[in-house]
Amino acid sequence: MPRFLIEVPHEAEERACALAIQVLLRTGSHYLTNAEWGCMDGDHKGWVIVDVDSKEQARGILPPVYRSQAKIVKLNKFSMEEIEEILRHHPG
């Protein structure tokens, strides 16, 4: 199943951080209650990794207020063989 990183930005104010975190925690969603946050390091975003079928499904996990501003990235891993094959086709 595909894996996606959901990035949820919010305003860089302490109250905005608390409200964003509260909204995600209150959803009760296992995904969202386990979000990681960068606020304490000055990066006002939350991140969640989910295993779902599509970007649309990943976006749908979020509360409506955050759906339009969220960034959804499909994640993948590479094997050493795959990378070596890519580099063979793109010598540098």
PDB file of N, CA and C in Angstrom:
ATOM      1  N   MET A   1       0.849  -1.180   0.000  1.00  0.00           N
ATOM      2  CA  MET A   1       0.000   0.000   0.000  1.00  0.00           C
ATOM      3  C   MET A   1       0.888   1.235   0.000  1.00  0.00           C
ATOM      4  N   PRO A   2       0.531   2.234  -0.759  1.00  0.00           N
ATOM      5  CA  PRO A   2       1.325   3.468  -0.788  1.00  0.00           C
ATOM      6  C   PRO A   2       1.385   4.139   0.586  1.00  0.00           C
ATOM      7  N   ARG A   3       2.455   4.887   0.793  1.00  0.00           N
ATOM      8  CA  ARG A   3       2.669   5.615   2.045  1.00  0.00           C
ATOM      9  C   ARG A   3       2.806   7.091   1.702  1.00  0.00           C
ATOM     10  N   PHE A   4       2.189   7.941   2.508  1.00  0.00           N
ATOM     11  CA  PHE A   4       2.200   9.380   2.261  1.00  0.00           C
ATOM     12  C   PHE A   4       2.607  10.144   3.514  1.00  0.00           C
ATOM     13  N   LEU A   5       3.352  11.229   3.299  1.00  0.00           N
ATOM     14  CA  LEU A   5       3.672  12.176   4.353  1.00  0.00           C
ATOM     15  C   LEU A   5       2.686  13.328   4.227  1.00  0.00           C
ATOM     16  N   ILE A   6       1.995  13.621   5.311  1.00  0.00           N
ATOM     17  CA  ILE A   6       1.076  14.765   5.354  1.00  0.00           C
ATOM     18  C   ILE A   6       1.753  15.846   6.182  1.00  0.00           C
ATOM     19  N   GLU A   7       1.897  17.028   5.591  1.00  0.00           N
ATOM     20  CA  GLU A   7       2.496  18.170   6.290  1.00  0.00           C
ATOM     21  C   GLU A   7       1.416  19.228   6.476  1.00  0.00           C
ATOM     22  N   VAL A   8       1.187  19.607   7.724  1.00  0.00           N
ATOM     23  CA  VAL A   8       0.131  20.566   8.046  1.00  0.00           C
ATOM     24  C   VAL A   8       0.755  21.820   8.657  1.00  0.00           C
ATOM     25  N   PRO A   9       0.822  22.914   7.899  1.00  0.00           N
ATOM     26  CA  PRO A   9       1.376  24.155   8.448  1.00  0.00           C
ATOM     27  C   PRO A   9       0.320  24.932   9.245  1.00  0.00           C
ATOM     28  N   HIS A  10       0.807  25.775  10.131  1.00  0.00           N
ATOM     29  CA  HIS A  10      -0.078  26.687  10.855  1.00  0.00           C
ATOM     30  C   HIS A  10       0.708  27.945  11.210  1.00  0.00           C
ATOM     31  N   GLU A  11       0.000  28.945  11.690  1.00  0.00           N
ATOM     32  CA  GLU A  11       0.627  30.233  12.016  1.00  0.00           C
ATOM     33  C   GLU A  11       1.688  30.072  13.099  1.00  0.00           C
ATOM     34  N   ALA A  12       2.680  30.947  13.062  1.00  0.00           N
ATOM     35  CA  ALA A  12       3.824  30.877  13.982  1.00  0.00           C
ATOM     36  C   ALA A  12       3.571  31.638  15.280  1.00  0.00           C
ATOM     37  N   GLU A  13       2.469  31.323  15.922  1.00  0.00           N
ATOM     38  CA  GLU A  13       2.145  31.931  17.219  1.00  0.00           C
ATOM     39  C   GLU A  13       1.793  30.802  18.173  1.00  0.00           C
ATOM     40  N   GLU A  14       2.086  30.996  19.449  1.00  0.00           N
ATOM     41  CA  GLU A  14       1.862  29.926  20.420  1.00  0.00           C
ATOM     42  C   GLU A  14       0.404  29.469  20.446  1.00  0.00           C
ATOM     43  N   ARG A  15      -0.530  30.409  20.392  1.00  0.00           N
ATOM     44  CA  ARG A  15      -1.950  30.050  20.402  1.00  0.00           C
ATOM     45  C   ARG A  15      -2.309  29.254  19.147  1.00  0.00           C
ATOM     46  N   ALA A  16      -1.789  29.663  17.998  1.00  0.00           N
ATOM     47  CA  ALA A  16      -2.068  28.946  16.747  1.00  0.00           C
ATOM     48  C   ALA A  16      -1.538  27.515  16.817  1.00  0.00           C
ATOM     49  N   CYS A  17      -0.366  27.342  17.422  1.00  0.00           N
ATOM     50  CA  CYS A  17       0.197  25.998  17.598  1.00  0.00           C
ATOM     51  C   CYS A  17      -0.746  25.155  18.451  1.00  0.00           C
ATOM     52  N   ALA A  18      -1.129  25.710  19.585  1.00  0.00           N
ATOM     53  CA  ALA A  18      -1.987  24.967  20.510  1.00  0.00           C
ATOM     54  C   ALA A  18      -3.317  24.600  19.859  1.00  0.00           C
ATOM     55  N   LEU A  19      -3.891  25.521  19.104  1.00  0.00           N
ATOM     56  CA  LEU A  19      -5.171  25.244  18.441  1.00  0.00           C
ATOM     57  C   LEU A  19      -5.030  24.177  17.364  1.00  0.00           C
ATOM     58  N   ALA A  20      -3.947  24.233  16.589  1.00  0.00           N
ATOM     59  CA  ALA A  20      -3.724  23.228  15.545  1.00  0.00           C
ATOM     60  C   ALA A  20      -3.572  21.841  16.169  1.00  0.00           C
ATOM     61  N   ILE A  21      -2.786  21.770  17.222  1.00  0.00           N
ATOM     62  CA  ILE A  21      -2.577  20.498  17.899  1.00  0.00           C
ATOM     63  C   ILE A  21      -3.886  19.990  18.497  1.00  0.00           C
ATOM     64  N   GLN A  22      -4.629  20.877  19.116  1.00  0.00           N
ATOM     65  CA  GLN A  22      -5.908  20.506  19.714  1.00  0.00           C
ATOM     66  C   GLN A  22      -6.881  19.950  18.674  1.00  0.00           C
ATOM     67  N   VAL A  23      -6.964  20.606  17.529  1.00  0.00           N
ATOM     68  CA  VAL A  23      -7.870  20.154  16.470  1.00  0.00           C
ATOM     69  C   VAL A  23      -7.507  18.737  16.029  1.00  0.00           C
ATOM     70  N   LEU A  24      -6.228  18.479  15.812  1.00  0.00           N
ATOM     71  CA  LEU A  24      -5.819  17.146  15.375  1.00  0.00           C
ATOM     72  C   LEU A  24      -6.031  16.104  16.468  1.00  0.00           C
ATOM     73  N   LEU A  25      -5.716  16.447  17.721  1.00  0.00           N
ATOM     74  CA  LEU A  25      -5.919  15.491  18.811  1.00  0.00           C
ATOM     75  C   LEU A  25      -7.392  15.162  19.008  1.00  0.00           C
ATOM     76  N   ARG A  26      -8.243  16.149  18.853  1.00  0.00           N
ATOM     77  CA  ARG A  26      -9.683  15.936  19.071  1.00  0.00           C
ATOM     78  C   ARG A  26     -10.351  15.083  17.999  1.00  0.00           C
ATOM     79  N   THR A  27      -9.688  14.902  16.862  1.00  0.00           N
ATOM     80  CA  THR A  27     -10.305  14.075  15.821  1.00  0.00           C
ATOM     81  C   THR A  27     -10.453  12.639  16.299  1.00  0.00           C
ATOM     82  N   GLY A  28      -9.552  12.226  17.187  1.00  0.00           N
ATOM     83  CA  GLY A  28      -9.569  10.845  17.650  1.00  0.00           C
ATOM     84  C   GLY A  28      -8.933   9.883  16.662  1.00  0.00           C
ATOM     85  N   SER A  29      -8.540  10.378  15.493  1.00  0.00           N
ATOM     86  CA  SER A  29      -7.911   9.541  14.482  1.00  0.00           C
ATOM     87  C   SER A  29      -6.554   9.066  14.980  1.00  0.00           C
ATOM     88  N   HIS A  30      -6.307   7.781  14.892  1.00  0.00           N
ATOM     89  CA  HIS A  30      -5.015   7.233  15.303  1.00  0.00           C
ATOM     90  C   HIS A  30      -3.872   7.947  14.575  1.00  0.00           C
ATOM     91  N   TYR A  31      -4.065   8.195  13.288  1.00  0.00           N
ATOM     92  CA  TYR A  31      -3.031   8.890  12.522  1.00  0.00           C
ATOM     93  C   TYR A  31      -2.740  10.265  13.111  1.00  0.00           C
ATOM     94  N   LEU A  32      -3.788  11.038  13.330  1.00  0.00           N
ATOM     95  CA  LEU A  32      -3.610  12.437  13.716  1.00  0.00           C
ATOM     96  C   LEU A  32      -3.201  12.607  15.165  1.00  0.00           C
ATOM     97  N   THR A  33      -3.623  11.703  16.032  1.00  0.00           N
ATOM     98  CA  THR A  33      -3.217  11.827  17.432  1.00  0.00           C
ATOM     99  C   THR A  33      -1.755  11.447  17.620  1.00  0.00           C
ATOM    100  N   ASN A  34      -1.145  10.875  16.598  1.00  0.00           N
ATOM    101  CA  ASN A  34       0.276  10.531  16.651  1.00  0.00           C
ATOM    102  C   ASN A  34       1.125  11.452  15.781  1.00  0.00           C
ATOM    103  N   ALA A  35       0.600  12.615  15.459  1.00  0.00           N
ATOM    104  CA  ALA A  35       1.346  13.590  14.657  1.00  0.00           C
ATOM    105  C   ALA A  35       2.609  14.021  15.392  1.00  0.00           C
ATOM    106  N   GLU A  36       3.610  14.374  14.626  1.00  0.00           N
ATOM    107  CA  GLU A  36       4.856  14.950  15.151  1.00  0.00           C
ATOM    108  C   GLU A  36       4.823  16.442  14.815  1.00  0.00           C
ATOM    109  N   TRP A  37       5.368  17.255  15.702  1.00  0.00           N
ATOM    110  CA  TRP A  37       5.298  18.711  15.545  1.00  0.00           C
ATOM    111  C   TRP A  37       6.681  19.337  15.600  1.00  0.00           C
ATOM    112  N   GLY A  38       6.884  20.406  14.817  1.00  0.00           N
ATOM    113  CA  GLY A  38       8.156  21.118  14.799  1.00  0.00           C
ATOM    114  C   GLY A  38       8.118  22.458  15.511  1.00  0.00           C
ATOM    115  N   CYS A  39       7.021  22.771  16.173  1.00  0.00           N
ATOM    116  CA  CYS A  39       6.813  24.091  16.769  1.00  0.00           C
ATOM    117  C   CYS A  39       7.910  24.489  17.759  1.00  0.00           C
ATOM    118  N   MET A  40       8.337  23.549  18.575  1.00  0.00           N
ATOM    119  CA  MET A  40       9.332  23.872  19.604  1.00  0.00           C
ATOM    120  C   MET A  40      10.703  24.195  19.000  1.00  0.00           C
ATOM    121  N   ASP A  41      10.862  23.892  17.704  1.00  0.00           N
ATOM    122  CA  ASP A  41      12.112  24.203  17.010  1.00  0.00           C
ATOM    123  C   ASP A  41      11.908  25.314  15.980  1.00  0.00           C
ATOM    124  N   GLY A  42      10.760  25.996  16.050  1.00  0.00           N
ATOM    125  CA  GLY A  42      10.496  27.120  15.165  1.00  0.00           C
ATOM    126  C   GLY A  42       9.926  26.753  13.799  1.00  0.00           C
ATOM    127  N   ASP A  43       9.634  25.483  13.565  1.00  0.00           N
ATOM    128  CA  ASP A  43       9.044  25.052  12.285  1.00  0.00           C
ATOM    129  C   ASP A  43       7.589  24.699  12.569  1.00  0.00           C
ATOM    130  N   HIS A  44       6.697  25.603  12.270  1.00  0.00           N
ATOM    131  CA  HIS A  44       5.302  25.504  12.684  1.00  0.00           C
ATOM    132  C   HIS A  44       4.487  24.640  11.722  1.00  0.00           C
ATOM    133  N   LYS A  45       4.744  23.343  11.855  1.00  0.00           N
ATOM    134  CA  LYS A  45       4.086  22.338  11.031  1.00  0.00           C
ATOM    135  C   LYS A  45       3.925  21.075  11.850  1.00  0.00           C
ATOM    136  N   GLY A  46       2.942  20.276  11.429  1.00  0.00           N
ATOM    137  CA  GLY A  46       2.787  18.941  11.978  1.00  0.00           C
ATOM    138  C   GLY A  46       2.966  17.952  10.846  1.00  0.00           C
ATOM    139  N   TRP A  47       3.467  16.759  11.178  1.00  0.00           N
ATOM    140  CA  TRP A  47       3.682  15.730  10.159  1.00  0.00           C
ATOM    141  C   TRP A  47       3.069  14.412  10.603  1.00  0.00           C
ATOM    142  N   VAL A  48       2.486  13.740   9.631  1.00  0.00           N
ATOM    143  CA  VAL A  48       1.886  12.434   9.861  1.00  0.00           C
ATOM    144  C   VAL A  48       2.244  11.568   8.661  1.00  0.00           C
ATOM    145  N   ILE A  49       2.574  10.304   8.907  1.00  0.00           N
ATOM    146  CA  ILE A  49       2.794   9.355   7.816  1.00  0.00           C
ATOM    147  C   ILE A  49       1.649   8.348   7.854  1.00  0.00           C
ATOM    148  N   VAL A  50       1.008   8.172   6.696  1.00  0.00           N
ATOM    149  CA  VAL A  50      -0.151   7.276   6.615  1.00  0.00           C
ATOM    150  C   VAL A  50       0.004   6.294   5.464  1.00  0.00           C
ATOM    151  N   ASP A  51      -0.576   5.119   5.640  1.00  0.00           N
ATOM    152  CA  ASP A  51      -0.630   4.108   4.587  1.00  0.00           C
ATOM    153  C   ASP A  51      -2.060   4.079   4.058  1.00  0.00           C
ATOM    154  N   VAL A  52      -2.263   4.717   2.914  1.00  0.00           N
ATOM    155  CA  VAL A  52      -3.578   4.778   2.275  1.00  0.00           C
ATOM    156  C   VAL A  52      -3.391   4.641   0.764  1.00  0.00           C
ATOM    157  N   ASP A  53      -4.489   4.529   0.036  1.00  0.00           N
ATOM    158  CA  ASP A  53      -4.415   4.262  -1.395  1.00  0.00           C
ATOM    159  C   ASP A  53      -4.065   5.454  -2.279  1.00  0.00           C
ATOM    160  N   SER A  54      -4.329   6.686  -1.805  1.00  0.00           N
ATOM    161  CA  SER A  54      -4.141   7.833  -2.689  1.00  0.00           C
ATOM    162  C   SER A  54      -3.880   9.120  -1.900  1.00  0.00           C
ATOM    163  N   LYS A  55      -3.397  10.137  -2.626  1.00  0.00           N
ATOM    164  CA  LYS A  55      -3.213  11.458  -2.011  1.00  0.00           C
ATOM    165  C   LYS A  55      -4.548  12.008  -1.517  1.00  0.00           C
ATOM    166  N   GLU A  56      -5.598  11.767  -2.293  1.00  0.00           N
ATOM    167  CA  GLU A  56      -6.917  12.261  -1.911  1.00  0.00           C
ATOM    168  C   GLU A  56      -7.371  11.629  -0.596  1.00  0.00           C
ATOM    169  N   GLN A  57      -7.100  10.333  -0.448  1.00  0.00           N
ATOM    170  CA  GLN A  57      -7.455   9.651   0.790  1.00  0.00           C
ATOM    171  C   GLN A  57      -6.641  10.212   1.961  1.00  0.00           C
ATOM    172  N   ALA A  58      -5.377  10.485   1.728  1.00  0.00           N
ATOM    173  CA  ALA A  58      -4.527  11.074   2.766  1.00  0.00           C
ATOM    174  C   ALA A  58      -5.064  12.442   3.173  1.00  0.00           C
ATOM    175  N   ARG A  59      -5.411  13.263   2.214  1.00  0.00           N
ATOM    176  CA  ARG A  59      -5.944  14.604   2.507  1.00  0.00           C
ATOM    177  C   ARG A  59      -7.258  14.493   3.276  1.00  0.00           C
ATOM    178  N   GLY A  60      -8.059  13.490   2.947  1.00  0.00           N
ATOM    179  CA  GLY A  60      -9.350  13.306   3.600  1.00  0.00           C
ATOM    180  C   GLY A  60      -9.250  12.936   5.066  1.00  0.00           C
ATOM    181  N   ILE A  61      -8.094  12.499   5.519  1.00  0.00           N
ATOM    182  CA  ILE A  61      -7.893  12.174   6.933  1.00  0.00           C
ATOM    183  C   ILE A  61      -7.904  13.439   7.784  1.00  0.00           C
ATOM    184  N   LEU A  62      -7.497  14.545   7.174  1.00  0.00           N
ATOM    185  CA  LEU A  62      -7.383  15.813   7.904  1.00  0.00           C
ATOM    186  C   LEU A  62      -8.736  16.450   8.159  1.00  0.00           C
ATOM    187  N   PRO A  63      -8.832  17.218   9.250  1.00  0.00           N
ATOM    188  CA  PRO A  63     -10.023  18.036   9.441  1.00  0.00           C
ATOM    189  C   PRO A  63     -10.146  19.020   8.269  1.00  0.00           C
ATOM    190  N   PRO A  64     -11.353  19.332   7.834  1.00  0.00           N
ATOM    191  CA  PRO A  64     -11.549  20.209   6.668  1.00  0.00           C
ATOM    192  C   PRO A  64     -10.768  21.518   6.714  1.00  0.00           C
ATOM    193  N   VAL A  65     -10.589  22.099   7.875  1.00  0.00           N
ATOM    194  CA  VAL A  65      -9.906  23.392   7.985  1.00  0.00           C
ATOM    195  C   VAL A  65      -8.447  23.322   7.516  1.00  0.00           C
ATOM    196  N   TYR A  66      -7.826  22.143   7.538  1.00  0.00           N
ATOM    197  CA  TYR A  66      -6.426  22.016   7.147  1.00  0.00           C
ATOM    198  C   TYR A  66      -6.213  21.367   5.786  1.00  0.00           C
ATOM    199  N   ARG A  67      -7.246  20.891   5.163  1.00  0.00           N
ATOM    200  CA  ARG A  67      -7.087  20.140   3.915  1.00  0.00           C
ATOM    201  C   ARG A  67      -6.472  20.958   2.785  1.00  0.00           C
ATOM    202  N   SER A  68      -6.891  22.187   2.600  1.00  0.00           N
ATOM    203  CA  SER A  68      -6.420  22.961   1.448  1.00  0.00           C
ATOM    204  C   SER A  68      -4.961  23.389   1.590  1.00  0.00           C
ATOM    205  N   GLN A  69      -4.490  23.599   2.799  1.00  0.00           N
ATOM    206  CA  GLN A  69      -3.113  24.067   2.979  1.00  0.00           C
ATOM    207  C   GLN A  69      -2.121  22.935   3.230  1.00  0.00           C
ATOM    208  N   ALA A  70      -2.600  21.724   3.416  1.00  0.00           N
ATOM    209  CA  ALA A  70      -1.703  20.596   3.686  1.00  0.00           C
ATOM    210  C   ALA A  70      -0.927  20.207   2.432  1.00  0.00           C
ATOM    211  N   LYS A  71       0.292  19.770   2.653  1.00  0.00           N
ATOM    212  CA  LYS A  71       1.123  19.242   1.578  1.00  0.00           C
ATOM    213  C   LYS A  71       1.146  17.724   1.748  1.00  0.00           C
ATOM    214  N   ILE A  72       0.858  17.007   0.672  1.00  0.00           N
ATOM    215  CA  ILE A  72       0.828  15.548   0.701  1.00  0.00           C
ATOM    216  C   ILE A  72       1.919  15.038  -0.236  1.00  0.00           C
ATOM    217  N   VAL A  73       2.821  14.203   0.286  1.00  0.00           N
ATOM    218  CA  VAL A  73       3.939  13.687  -0.499  1.00  0.00           C
ATOM    219  C   VAL A  73       3.900  12.164  -0.467  1.00  0.00           C
ATOM    220  N   LYS A  74       3.879  11.552  -1.652  1.00  0.00           N
ATOM    221  CA  LYS A  74       3.967  10.097  -1.720  1.00  0.00           C
ATOM    222  C   LYS A  74       5.420   9.705  -1.447  1.00  0.00           C
ATOM    223  N   LEU A  75       5.601   8.788  -0.514  1.00  0.00           N
ATOM    224  CA  LEU A  75       6.939   8.367  -0.123  1.00  0.00           C
ATOM    225  C   LEU A  75       7.323   7.066  -0.817  1.00  0.00           C
ATOM    226  N   ASN A  76       8.608   6.875  -0.996  1.00  0.00           N
ATOM    227  CA  ASN A  76       9.099   5.618  -1.550  1.00  0.00           C
ATOM    228  C   ASN A  76      10.500   5.357  -1.030  1.00  0.00           C
ATOM    229  N   LYS A  77      10.924   4.124  -1.135  1.00  0.00           N
ATOM    230  CA  LYS A  77      12.275   3.733  -0.757  1.00  0.00           C
ATOM    231  C   LYS A  77      12.976   3.239  -2.007  1.00  0.00           C
ATOM    232  N   PHE A  78      14.308   3.278  -1.975  1.00  0.00           N
ATOM    233  CA  PHE A  78      15.111   2.791  -3.083  1.00  0.00           C
ATOM    234  C   PHE A  78      16.051   1.715  -2.580  1.00  0.00           C
ATOM    235  N   SER A  79      16.273   0.729  -3.413  1.00  0.00           N
ATOM    236  CA  SER A  79      17.305  -0.262  -3.123  1.00  0.00           C
ATOM    237  C   SER A  79      18.596   0.219  -3.777  1.00  0.00           C
ATOM    238  N   MET A  80      19.700  -0.323  -3.351  1.00  0.00           N
ATOM    239  CA  MET A  80      20.984   0.030  -3.946  1.00  0.00           C
ATOM    240  C   MET A  80      20.983  -0.343  -5.431  1.00  0.00           C
ATOM    241  N   GLU A  81      20.360  -1.456  -5.780  1.00  0.00           N
ATOM    242  CA  GLU A  81      20.295  -1.890  -7.184  1.00  0.00           C
ATOM    243  C   GLU A  81      19.521  -0.880  -8.032  1.00  0.00           C
ATOM    244  N   GLU A  82      18.428  -0.379  -7.514  1.00  0.00           N
ATOM    245  CA  GLU A  82      17.646   0.619  -8.256  1.00  0.00           C
ATOM    246  C   GLU A  82      18.459   1.887  -8.488  1.00  0.00           C
ATOM    247  N   ILE A  83      19.169   2.317  -7.491  1.00  0.00           N
ATOM    248  CA  ILE A  83      19.983   3.536  -7.619  1.00  0.00           C
ATOM    249  C   ILE A  83      21.121   3.320  -8.601  1.00  0.00           C
ATOM    250  N   GLU A  84      21.756   2.172  -8.525  1.00  0.00           N
ATOM    251  CA  GLU A  84      22.836   1.884  -9.467  1.00  0.00           C
ATOM    252  C   GLU A  84      22.323   1.854 -10.897  1.00  0.00           C
ATOM    253  N   GLU A  85      21.132   1.329 -11.106  1.00  0.00           N
ATOM    254  CA  GLU A  85      20.526   1.303 -12.437  1.00  0.00           C
ATOM    255  C   GLU A  85      20.239   2.737 -12.927  1.00  0.00           C
ATOM    256  N   ILE A  86      19.716   3.559 -12.077  1.00  0.00           N
ATOM    257  CA  ILE A  86      19.455   4.963 -12.437  1.00  0.00           C
ATOM    258  C   ILE A  86      20.761   5.657 -12.810  1.00  0.00           C
ATOM    259  N   LEU A  87      21.787   5.445 -12.016  1.00  0.00           N
ATOM    260  CA  LEU A  87      23.069   6.101 -12.281  1.00  0.00           C
ATOM    261  C   LEU A  87      23.729   5.590 -13.556  1.00  0.00           C
ATOM    262  N   ARG A  88      23.495   4.332 -13.901  1.00  0.00           N
ATOM    263  CA  ARG A  88      24.022   3.813 -15.161  1.00  0.00           C
ATOM    264  C   ARG A  88      23.386   4.520 -16.360  1.00  0.00           C
ATOM    265  N   HIS A  89      22.121   4.869 -16.230  1.00  0.00           N
ATOM    266  CA  HIS A  89      21.423   5.556 -17.315  1.00  0.00           C
ATOM    267  C   HIS A  89      21.679   7.052 -17.351  1.00  0.00           C
ATOM    268  N   HIS A  90      22.276   7.565 -16.282  1.00  0.00           N
ATOM    269  CA  HIS A  90      22.559   9.000 -16.190  1.00  0.00           C
ATOM    270  C   HIS A  90      23.982   9.211 -15.687  1.00  0.00           C
ATOM    271  N   PRO A  91      24.962   8.832 -16.496  1.00  0.00           N
ATOM    272  CA  PRO A  91      26.350   8.990 -16.057  1.00  0.00           C
ATOM    273  C   PRO A  91      26.678  10.479 -15.861  1.00  0.00           C
ATOM    274  N   GLY A  92      27.570  10.729 -14.957  1.00  0.00           N
ATOM    275  CA  GLY A  92      27.832  12.118 -14.671  1.00  0.00           C
ATOM    276  C   GLY A  92      29.220  12.508 -14.768  1.00  0.00           C
TER     277      GLY A  92
END
